[in-house]
């Protein structure tokens, strides 16, 4: 069977192809995929809600060593959560 695909949204933003089985979006919102069988005309659709990740990462820098006349530079190492 040959299928056609049609992605739509009323409040999101589709940046990929609207006529493939998968697409790319760059905004939270509600998205709908309509699939049509070109042989018999049957259609089905599905909806998905994409939510925006609003949790800010946590970044920390451990207390560095002191700069002295002998030790004239230090390395700072930042750590972050990977949620």
PDB file of N, CA and C in Angstrom:
ATOM      1  N   UNK A   1       0.845  -1.192   0.000  1.00  0.00           N
ATOM      2  CA  UNK A   1       0.000   0.000   0.000  1.00  0.00           C
ATOM      3  C   UNK A   1       0.882   1.245   0.000  1.00  0.00           C
ATOM      4  N   UNK A   2       0.411   2.284  -0.632  1.00  0.00           N
ATOM      5  CA  UNK A   2       1.120   3.560  -0.655  1.00  0.00           C
ATOM      6  C   UNK A   2       0.363   4.534   0.240  1.00  0.00           C
ATOM      7  N   UNK A   3       1.135   5.222   1.099  1.00  0.00           N
ATOM      8  CA  UNK A   3       0.514   6.130   2.046  1.00  0.00           C
ATOM      9  C   UNK A   3       0.991   7.554   1.819  1.00  0.00           C
ATOM     10  N   UNK A   4       0.132   8.499   2.173  1.00  0.00           N
ATOM     11  CA  UNK A   4       0.544   9.897   2.222  1.00  0.00           C
ATOM     12  C   UNK A   4       0.441  10.344   3.673  1.00  0.00           C
ATOM     13  N   UNK A   5       1.270  11.319   4.024  1.00  0.00           N
ATOM     14  CA  UNK A   5       1.336  11.820   5.400  1.00  0.00           C
ATOM     15  C   UNK A   5       1.121  13.324   5.378  1.00  0.00           C
ATOM     16  N   UNK A   6       0.389  13.822   6.370  1.00  0.00           N
ATOM     17  CA  UNK A   6       0.116  15.258   6.439  1.00  0.00           C
ATOM     18  C   UNK A   6       0.163  15.708   7.900  1.00  0.00           C
ATOM     19  N   UNK A   7       1.266  16.387   8.263  1.00  0.00           N
ATOM     20  CA  UNK A   7       1.415  16.933   9.615  1.00  0.00           C
ATOM     21  C   UNK A   7       0.786  18.323   9.662  1.00  0.00           C
ATOM     22  N   UNK A   8       0.034  18.606  10.733  1.00  0.00           N
ATOM     23  CA  UNK A   8      -0.547  19.933  10.937  1.00  0.00           C
ATOM     24  C   UNK A   8      -0.428  20.309  12.412  1.00  0.00           C
ATOM     25  N   UNK A   9      -0.531  21.598  12.675  1.00  0.00           N
ATOM     26  CA  UNK A   9      -0.542  22.110  14.042  1.00  0.00           C
ATOM     27  C   UNK A   9      -1.299  23.424  14.060  1.00  0.00           C
ATOM     28  N   UNK A  10      -1.934  23.710  15.192  1.00  0.00           N
ATOM     29  CA  UNK A  10      -2.624  24.990  15.333  1.00  0.00           C
ATOM     30  C   UNK A  10      -1.850  25.956  16.217  1.00  0.00           C
ATOM     31  N   UNK A  11      -0.947  25.409  17.056  1.00  0.00           N
ATOM     32  CA  UNK A  11      -0.237  26.280  17.991  1.00  0.00           C
ATOM     33  C   UNK A  11       1.246  25.938  18.123  1.00  0.00           C
ATOM     34  N   UNK A  12       1.743  25.034  17.302  1.00  0.00           N
ATOM     35  CA  UNK A  12       3.159  24.672  17.320  1.00  0.00           C
ATOM     36  C   UNK A  12       3.865  25.260  16.112  1.00  0.00           C
ATOM     37  N   UNK A  13       5.002  24.669  15.737  1.00  0.00           N
ATOM     38  CA  UNK A  13       5.722  25.119  14.554  1.00  0.00           C
ATOM     39  C   UNK A  13       6.487  23.932  13.957  1.00  0.00           C
ATOM     40  N   UNK A  14       6.100  23.548  12.756  1.00  0.00           N
ATOM     41  CA  UNK A  14       6.739  22.438  12.058  1.00  0.00           C
ATOM     42  C   UNK A  14       7.861  23.002  11.196  1.00  0.00           C
ATOM     43  N   UNK A  15       9.101  22.538  11.430  1.00  0.00           N
ATOM     44  CA  UNK A  15      10.237  23.012  10.642  1.00  0.00           C
ATOM     45  C   UNK A  15      10.718  21.948   9.650  1.00  0.00           C
ATOM     46  N   UNK A  16      10.280  20.717   9.817  1.00  0.00           N
ATOM     47  CA  UNK A  16      10.632  19.638   8.895  1.00  0.00           C
ATOM     48  C   UNK A  16       9.563  19.487   7.837  1.00  0.00           C
ATOM     49  N   UNK A  17       9.678  18.426   7.049  1.00  0.00           N
ATOM     50  CA  UNK A  17       8.697  18.156   6.002  1.00  0.00           C
ATOM     51  C   UNK A  17       7.347  17.831   6.625  1.00  0.00           C
ATOM     52  N   UNK A  18       6.295  18.352   6.038  1.00  0.00           N
ATOM     53  CA  UNK A  18       4.944  18.069   6.518  1.00  0.00           C
ATOM     54  C   UNK A  18       4.354  16.838   5.845  1.00  0.00           C
ATOM     55  N   UNK A  19       5.120  16.233   4.918  1.00  0.00           N
ATOM     56  CA  UNK A  19       4.574  15.129   4.132  1.00  0.00           C
ATOM     57  C   UNK A  19       5.402  13.852   4.246  1.00  0.00           C
ATOM     58  N   UNK A  20       6.010  13.617   5.408  1.00  0.00           N
ATOM     59  CA  UNK A  20       6.759  12.391   5.652  1.00  0.00           C
ATOM     60  C   UNK A  20       6.259  11.756   6.944  1.00  0.00           C
ATOM     61  N   UNK A  21       6.666  10.512   7.187  1.00  0.00           N
ATOM     62  CA  UNK A  21       6.178   9.810   8.377  1.00  0.00           C
ATOM     63  C   UNK A  21       6.690  10.444   9.670  1.00  0.00           C
ATOM     64  N   UNK A  22       7.850  11.113   9.608  1.00  0.00           N
ATOM     65  CA  UNK A  22       8.354  11.823  10.788  1.00  0.00           C
ATOM     66  C   UNK A  22       8.716  13.238  10.361  1.00  0.00           C
ATOM     67  N   UNK A  23       8.729  14.148  11.328  1.00  0.00           N
ATOM     68  CA  UNK A  23       9.042  15.540  11.028  1.00  0.00           C
ATOM     69  C   UNK A  23       9.790  16.150  12.200  1.00  0.00           C
ATOM     70  N   UNK A  24      10.207  17.390  12.072  1.00  0.00           N
ATOM     71  CA  UNK A  24      10.875  18.115  13.150  1.00  0.00           C
ATOM     72  C   UNK A  24      10.033  19.330  13.517  1.00  0.00           C
ATOM     73  N   UNK A  25      10.030  19.623  14.821  1.00  0.00           N
ATOM     74  CA  UNK A  25       9.316  20.801  15.324  1.00  0.00           C
ATOM     75  C   UNK A  25      10.260  21.584  16.221  1.00  0.00           C
ATOM     76  N   UNK A  26       9.985  22.883  16.391  1.00  0.00           N
ATOM     77  CA  UNK A  26      10.839  23.687  17.271  1.00  0.00           C
ATOM     78  C   UNK A  26      10.037  24.521  18.264  1.00  0.00           C
ATOM     79  N   UNK A  27       8.816  24.075  18.546  1.00  0.00           N
ATOM     80  CA  UNK A  27       7.975  24.799  19.491  1.00  0.00           C
ATOM     81  C   UNK A  27       7.017  23.818  20.158  1.00  0.00           C
ATOM     82  N   UNK A  28       6.772  24.037  21.436  1.00  0.00           N
ATOM     83  CA  UNK A  28       5.778  23.227  22.133  1.00  0.00           C
ATOM     84  C   UNK A  28       4.415  23.456  21.478  1.00  0.00           C
ATOM     85  N   UNK A  29       3.575  22.438  21.498  1.00  0.00           N
ATOM     86  CA  UNK A  29       2.241  22.601  20.919  1.00  0.00           C
ATOM     87  C   UNK A  29       1.592  21.258  20.648  1.00  0.00           C
ATOM     88  N   UNK A  30       0.434  21.330  20.021  1.00  0.00           N
ATOM     89  CA  UNK A  30      -0.329  20.144  19.656  1.00  0.00           C
ATOM     90  C   UNK A  30      -0.130  19.872  18.170  1.00  0.00           C
ATOM     91  N   UNK A  31       0.216  18.623  17.840  1.00  0.00           N
ATOM     92  CA  UNK A  31       0.498  18.239  16.467  1.00  0.00           C
ATOM     93  C   UNK A  31      -0.391  17.071  16.070  1.00  0.00           C
ATOM     94  N   UNK A  32      -0.780  17.034  14.788  1.00  0.00           N
ATOM     95  CA  UNK A  32      -1.643  15.982  14.266  1.00  0.00           C
ATOM     96  C   UNK A  32      -1.018  15.397  13.014  1.00  0.00           C
ATOM     97  N   UNK A  33      -1.046  14.069  12.904  1.00  0.00           N
ATOM     98  CA  UNK A  33      -0.588  13.376  11.703  1.00  0.00           C
ATOM     99  C   UNK A  33      -1.766  12.637  11.094  1.00  0.00           C
ATOM    100  N   UNK A  34      -2.087  12.981   9.828  1.00  0.00           N
ATOM    101  CA  UNK A  34      -3.135  12.299   9.072  1.00  0.00           C
ATOM    102  C   UNK A  34      -2.448  11.393   8.056  1.00  0.00           C
ATOM    103  N   UNK A  35      -2.777  10.083   8.092  1.00  0.00           N
ATOM    104  CA  UNK A  35      -2.215   9.114   7.157  1.00  0.00           C
ATOM    105  C   UNK A  35      -3.352   8.619   6.263  1.00  0.00           C
ATOM    106  N   UNK A  36      -3.096   8.666   4.945  1.00  0.00           N
ATOM    107  CA  UNK A  36      -4.100   8.229   3.965  1.00  0.00           C
ATOM    108  C   UNK A  36      -3.533   7.085   3.135  1.00  0.00           C
ATOM    109  N   UNK A  37      -4.296   6.004   3.010  1.00  0.00           N
ATOM    110  CA  UNK A  37      -3.938   4.878   2.151  1.00  0.00           C
ATOM    111  C   UNK A  37      -4.382   5.254   0.739  1.00  0.00           C
ATOM    112  N   UNK A  38      -3.429   5.407  -0.177  1.00  0.00           N
ATOM    113  CA  UNK A  38      -3.741   5.840  -1.542  1.00  0.00           C
ATOM    114  C   UNK A  38      -4.479   4.771  -2.352  1.00  0.00           C
ATOM    115  N   UNK A  39      -4.430   3.500  -1.904  1.00  0.00           N
ATOM    116  CA  UNK A  39      -5.099   2.425  -2.634  1.00  0.00           C
ATOM    117  C   UNK A  39      -6.605   2.430  -2.363  1.00  0.00           C
ATOM    118  N   UNK A  40      -6.987   2.500  -1.087  1.00  0.00           N
ATOM    119  CA  UNK A  40      -8.411   2.398  -0.755  1.00  0.00           C
ATOM    120  C   UNK A  40      -9.015   3.682  -0.181  1.00  0.00           C
ATOM    121  N   UNK A  41      -8.193   4.715   0.038  1.00  0.00           N
ATOM    122  CA  UNK A  41      -8.710   5.991   0.527  1.00  0.00           C
ATOM    123  C   UNK A  41      -8.952   6.039   2.028  1.00  0.00           C
ATOM    124  N   UNK A  42      -8.670   4.947   2.747  1.00  0.00           N
ATOM    125  CA  UNK A  42      -8.886   4.958   4.200  1.00  0.00           C
ATOM    126  C   UNK A  42      -7.909   5.930   4.859  1.00  0.00           C
ATOM    127  N   UNK A  43      -8.390   6.580   5.922  1.00  0.00           N
ATOM    128  CA  UNK A  43      -7.567   7.544   6.645  1.00  0.00           C
ATOM    129  C   UNK A  43      -7.593   7.254   8.135  1.00  0.00           C
ATOM    130  N   UNK A  44      -6.514   7.621   8.793  1.00  0.00           N
ATOM    131  CA  UNK A  44      -6.454   7.588  10.246  1.00  0.00           C
ATOM    132  C   UNK A  44      -5.562   8.736  10.690  1.00  0.00           C
ATOM    133  N   UNK A  45      -5.757   9.175  11.906  1.00  0.00           N
ATOM    134  CA  UNK A  45      -4.899  10.255  12.400  1.00  0.00           C
ATOM    135  C   UNK A  45      -4.567  10.037  13.864  1.00  0.00           C
ATOM    136  N   UNK A  46      -3.527  10.726  14.295  1.00  0.00           N
ATOM    137  CA  UNK A  46      -3.115  10.671  15.690  1.00  0.00           C
ATOM    138  C   UNK A  46      -2.660  12.052  16.107  1.00  0.00           C
ATOM    139  N   UNK A  47      -2.840  12.349  17.370  1.00  0.00           N
ATOM    140  CA  UNK A  47      -2.439  13.640  17.927  1.00  0.00           C
ATOM    141  C   UNK A  47      -1.349  13.429  18.959  1.00  0.00           C
ATOM    142  N   UNK A  48      -0.450  14.393  19.052  1.00  0.00           N
ATOM    143  CA  UNK A  48       0.586  14.361  20.079  1.00  0.00           C
ATOM    144  C   UNK A  48       0.798  15.780  20.583  1.00  0.00           C
ATOM    145  N   UNK A  49       1.030  15.897  21.885  1.00  0.00           N
ATOM    146  CA  UNK A  49       1.341  17.181  22.488  1.00  0.00           C
ATOM    147  C   UNK A  49       2.818  17.196  22.845  1.00  0.00           C
ATOM    148  N   UNK A  50       3.532  18.188  22.338  1.00  0.00           N
ATOM    149  CA  UNK A  50       4.949  18.365  22.635  1.00  0.00           C
ATOM    150  C   UNK A  50       5.044  19.445  23.705  1.00  0.00           C
ATOM    151  N   UNK A  51       5.724  19.118  24.799  1.00  0.00           N
ATOM    152  CA  UNK A  51       5.889  20.075  25.890  1.00  0.00           C
ATOM    153  C   UNK A  51       7.304  20.635  25.882  1.00  0.00           C
ATOM    154  N   UNK A  52       7.431  21.868  26.322  1.00  0.00           N
ATOM    155  CA  UNK A  52       8.743  22.513  26.391  1.00  0.00           C
ATOM    156  C   UNK A  52       9.438  22.151  27.691  1.00  0.00           C
ATOM    157  N   UNK A  53      10.710  21.843  27.611  1.00  0.00           N
ATOM    158  CA  UNK A  53      11.521  21.568  28.793  1.00  0.00           C
ATOM    159  C   UNK A  53      11.915  22.912  29.396  1.00  0.00           C
ATOM    160  N   UNK A  54      11.349  23.239  30.545  1.00  0.00           N
ATOM    161  CA  UNK A  54      11.610  24.536  31.166  1.00  0.00           C
ATOM    162  C   UNK A  54      12.483  24.432  32.410  1.00  0.00           C
ATOM    163  N   UNK A  55      13.007  23.226  32.671  1.00  0.00           N
ATOM    164  CA  UNK A  55      13.862  23.045  33.847  1.00  0.00           C
ATOM    165  C   UNK A  55      15.264  23.518  33.514  1.00  0.00           C
ATOM    166  N   UNK A  56      15.727  24.503  34.262  1.00  0.00           N
ATOM    167  CA  UNK A  56      17.059  25.045  34.029  1.00  0.00           C
ATOM    168  C   UNK A  56      18.117  24.089  34.554  1.00  0.00           C
ATOM    169  N   UNK A  57      19.227  23.962  33.829  1.00  0.00           N
ATOM    170  CA  UNK A  57      20.307  23.106  34.335  1.00  0.00           C
ATOM    171  C   UNK A  57      20.968  23.736  35.550  1.00  0.00           C
ATOM    172  N   UNK A  58      21.562  22.890  36.373  1.00  0.00           N
ATOM    173  CA  UNK A  58      22.289  23.366  37.550  1.00  0.00           C
ATOM    174  C   UNK A  58      23.775  23.305  37.226  1.00  0.00           C
ATOM    175  N   UNK A  59      24.451  24.430  37.314  1.00  0.00           N
ATOM    176  CA  UNK A  59      25.879  24.499  37.015  1.00  0.00           C
ATOM    177  C   UNK A  59      26.629  24.889  38.276  1.00  0.00           C
ATOM    178  N   UNK A  60      27.719  24.166  38.568  1.00  0.00           N
ATOM    179  CA  UNK A  60      28.545  24.485  39.728  1.00  0.00           C
ATOM    180  C   UNK A  60      30.013  24.490  39.319  1.00  0.00           C
ATOM    181  N   UNK A  61      30.795  25.318  39.986  1.00  0.00           N
ATOM    182  CA  UNK A  61      32.244  25.337  39.822  1.00  0.00           C
ATOM    183  C   UNK A  61      32.843  25.155  41.213  1.00  0.00           C
ATOM    184  N   UNK A  62      33.548  24.041  41.419  1.00  0.00           N
ATOM    185  CA  UNK A  62      34.172  23.836  42.733  1.00  0.00           C
ATOM    186  C   UNK A  62      35.142  24.973  43.044  1.00  0.00           C
ATOM    187  N   UNK A  63      35.334  25.247  44.331  1.00  0.00           N
ATOM    188  CA  UNK A  63      36.243  26.311  44.744  1.00  0.00           C
ATOM    189  C   UNK A  63      37.643  26.011  44.216  1.00  0.00           C
ATOM    190  N   UNK A  64      38.202  26.936  43.415  1.00  0.00           N
ATOM    191  CA  UNK A  64      39.529  26.677  42.839  1.00  0.00           C
ATOM    192  C   UNK A  64      40.649  26.947  43.842  1.00  0.00           C
ATOM    193  N   UNK A  65      41.833  26.478  43.486  1.00  0.00           N
ATOM    194  CA  UNK A  65      43.019  26.773  44.297  1.00  0.00           C
ATOM    195  C   UNK A  65      43.325  28.266  44.179  1.00  0.00           C
ATOM    196  N   UNK A  66      44.181  28.755  45.068  1.00  0.00           N
ATOM    197  CA  UNK A  66      44.548  30.173  45.029  1.00  0.00           C
ATOM    198  C   UNK A  66      45.675  30.415  44.033  1.00  0.00           C
ATOM    199  N   UNK A  67      45.620  31.569  43.405  1.00  0.00           N
ATOM    200  CA  UNK A  67      46.718  31.989  42.532  1.00  0.00           C
ATOM    201  C   UNK A  67      47.765  32.649  43.421  1.00  0.00           C
ATOM    202  N   UNK A  68      49.014  32.255  43.222  1.00  0.00           N
ATOM    203  CA  UNK A  68      50.116  32.816  44.014  1.00  0.00           C
ATOM    204  C   UNK A  68      51.235  33.246  43.062  1.00  0.00           C
ATOM    205  N   UNK A  69      52.339  33.730  43.641  1.00  0.00           N
ATOM    206  CA  UNK A  69      53.486  34.107  42.818  1.00  0.00           C
ATOM    207  C   UNK A  69      54.067  32.888  42.103  1.00  0.00           C
ATOM    208  N   UNK A  70      53.970  31.715  42.712  1.00  0.00           N
ATOM    209  CA  UNK A  70      54.503  30.491  42.116  1.00  0.00           C
ATOM    210  C   UNK A  70      53.458  29.840  41.199  1.00  0.00           C
ATOM    211  N   UNK A  71      52.230  29.796  41.654  1.00  0.00           N
ATOM    212  CA  UNK A  71      51.143  29.212  40.850  1.00  0.00           C
ATOM    213  C   UNK A  71      50.377  30.364  40.224  1.00  0.00           C
ATOM    214  N   UNK A  72      50.724  30.685  38.966  1.00  0.00           N
ATOM    215  CA  UNK A  72      50.182  31.892  38.330  1.00  0.00           C
ATOM    216  C   UNK A  72      48.920  31.640  37.515  1.00  0.00           C
ATOM    217  N   UNK A  73      48.510  30.377  37.404  1.00  0.00           N
ATOM    218  CA  UNK A  73      47.233  30.115  36.720  1.00  0.00           C
ATOM    219  C   UNK A  73      46.592  28.870  37.313  1.00  0.00           C
ATOM    220  N   UNK A  74      45.285  28.797  37.159  1.00  0.00           N
ATOM    221  CA  UNK A  74      44.531  27.645  37.662  1.00  0.00           C
ATOM    222  C   UNK A  74      43.507  27.237  36.605  1.00  0.00           C
ATOM    223  N   UNK A  75      43.036  26.033  36.717  1.00  0.00           N
ATOM    224  CA  UNK A  75      42.006  25.546  35.804  1.00  0.00           C
ATOM    225  C   UNK A  75      40.674  25.536  36.533  1.00  0.00           C
ATOM    226  N   UNK A  76      39.639  26.089  35.898  1.00  0.00           N
ATOM    227  CA  UNK A  76      38.282  26.045  36.434  1.00  0.00           C
ATOM    228  C   UNK A  76      37.527  24.940  35.702  1.00  0.00           C
ATOM    229  N   UNK A  77      36.838  24.113  36.456  1.00  0.00           N
ATOM    230  CA  UNK A  77      36.080  23.006  35.862  1.00  0.00           C
ATOM    231  C   UNK A  77      34.618  23.143  36.289  1.00  0.00           C
ATOM    232  N   UNK A  78      33.746  23.316  35.329  1.00  0.00           N
ATOM    233  CA  UNK A  78      32.311  23.443  35.625  1.00  0.00           C
ATOM    234  C   UNK A  78      31.642  22.080  35.549  1.00  0.00           C
ATOM    235  N   UNK A  79      30.680  21.858  36.423  1.00  0.00           N
ATOM    236  CA  UNK A  79      29.871  20.636  36.423  1.00  0.00           C
ATOM    237  C   UNK A  79      28.421  21.028  36.207  1.00  0.00           C
ATOM    238  N   UNK A  80      27.687  20.199  35.467  1.00  0.00           N
ATOM    239  CA  UNK A  80      26.266  20.465  35.304  1.00  0.00           C
ATOM    240  C   UNK A  80      25.488  19.170  35.405  1.00  0.00           C
ATOM    241  N   UNK A  81      24.209  19.305  35.751  1.00  0.00           N
ATOM    242  CA  UNK A  81      23.364  18.118  35.789  1.00  0.00           C
ATOM    243  C   UNK A  81      23.004  17.738  34.357  1.00  0.00           C
ATOM    244  N   UNK A  82      22.702  16.496  34.122  1.00  0.00           N
ATOM    245  CA  UNK A  82      22.404  16.038  32.767  1.00  0.00           C
ATOM    246  C   UNK A  82      21.001  15.455  32.689  1.00  0.00           C
ATOM    247  N   UNK A  83      20.045  16.073  33.334  1.00  0.00           N
ATOM    248  CA  UNK A  83      18.673  15.563  33.302  1.00  0.00           C
ATOM    249  C   UNK A  83      18.069  15.759  31.940  1.00  0.00           C
TER     250      UNK A  83
END
